[in-house]
Amino acid sequence: MTTRRSEVVFIDGVRTPFGRASDKGMFARTRADDLLVSAIIGLLERNPTIPHDRIDDVVIGAATQTGDQGLTLGRVAAILAGLPRSVPGFSVDRMCAGAMTATAMAAGSIGFGMYELALVGGVEHMGRHPIASGADPNPRFLTERLVGEEALVMGATAERIHDRFPHLTKQRADHFAFRSQEKAAAAYAAGDIQRDLIPVAHATDAGWNLAVRDELPRPDTTVTALATLKTPFRPHGRVTAGNASGLTDGATAALIGSASLAEELRLVPRMRLVSYAFAGVDPEIMGIGPIPATEKALRLAGLRMSDIDCFELNEAFAVQVLSLLDHYDIPDDDPRVNPWGGAIAMGHPLAASGVRLLIQLSRHFQKHPEYRYGLASMCVGLGQGATMIWENLSSKARKR
């Protein structure tokens, strides 16, 4: 049997608003799988011409796979969302890169000709499932010094990056965080973010309410205020709640498929996958993971960083993004980087975030048809990085 290789395209993507992960957050009484189902149903409703029985798989990322995020979440969500029982599904875990890994795995099957269409995404209810909740790290990690103690505390790994690169100062991190809040507020004011948000009904003490925007942004943030925040991971440290992503609850969902299927169904995909890569680094400084992952993705694509027109970099910590920008001599305030802000403003519901990056990257392509290549990247717990490179399908971009 011969296989038919296919180009992989991003058709559409949505997300729920991201809620604050606390007992007072807007999704405190909402199940994780219900958040995911809301995103999936919203995605399918706005793509009514796609036959549901043509979906070859549902691949969902979740960093904590227990309780309402367990039981093979991709299959559970497919059934709850009303997809035909013939549509299979499964879940993956690569911590923060769950949704990006789900996208890469499904894309590999599409590119190899085994699938034509996949629904991918991620969910994390960090209010119900805090980071590493229920985990039982092997004691050999520490007793045999396989990793340092900092490796199991993400904020401590960010402090280690500050240690290693003293020029990545707290002042730079705070200013980057301020700009993230500022850009997110401007994007909301322009209506850029709302068009890919799926409203979610949620219970409150007073009854029911409708979540229509992220709960975390602080548009009134100032650099002066950021400078006064406590450093919880070490005395006189540099990582604060202000220059790191907030703990949030949320879900993302996207449709990717073969270019031939998109043509058959008369869909207008937003972008084409060029390459993806994952890489490992020392767990104690996991935030530099995007650097080798990006180097590998660029090499596989036959591109240089100068070819990239737009970046969506997950702001787990400001210093982590700054380390990648410095590596490639990109200014902190380069307008190509996170044009609508990032996780510092919107939040980072772990495994859901990768698809948020892709949604926003695809929108930048639509807004700027002259852009040709875009890059999405994120650091991953226990010392990993993930990067995807996409091409704008605008005829103007491809003629460059």
Foldseek 3Di string as FASTA:
>chain_A
DAWDFFWKFFFAKFKAFKWFQACPIQCVVPFFLVQALLRVLVVCVVVVLDQLVQAQEEEEEEQDADDSNHDFSRQVSCVVNPRPNNYYYGYDHQWQARQVVSVVVVSVCQRRRNHFKHKTFYWFNCNVPPPCVPPDDDCCCPVVVVADPLLSPVLQLLLVLCVVPVVLALLLLLVLLLVLLQLQVVCVVVVNRQVRHRWDWGADPVGIDIRRHHDFRDNVDDSVVSVPFARPPDHPTRFGLRQAFGAITMMMMTMMGGPVVCVVSVGDTLWIWQFKFKDFDRSSNLLQQAQVRVVVRCVSNVHDPVLAQAEEEARRGSSSVVVNCVVVVHDSVPCRYPSRHHRSRRGRSRNRRQVVSVNVVSSVCVVPVLRFKYKYKYGTRNGMIMMTMITGPRPNNVVD
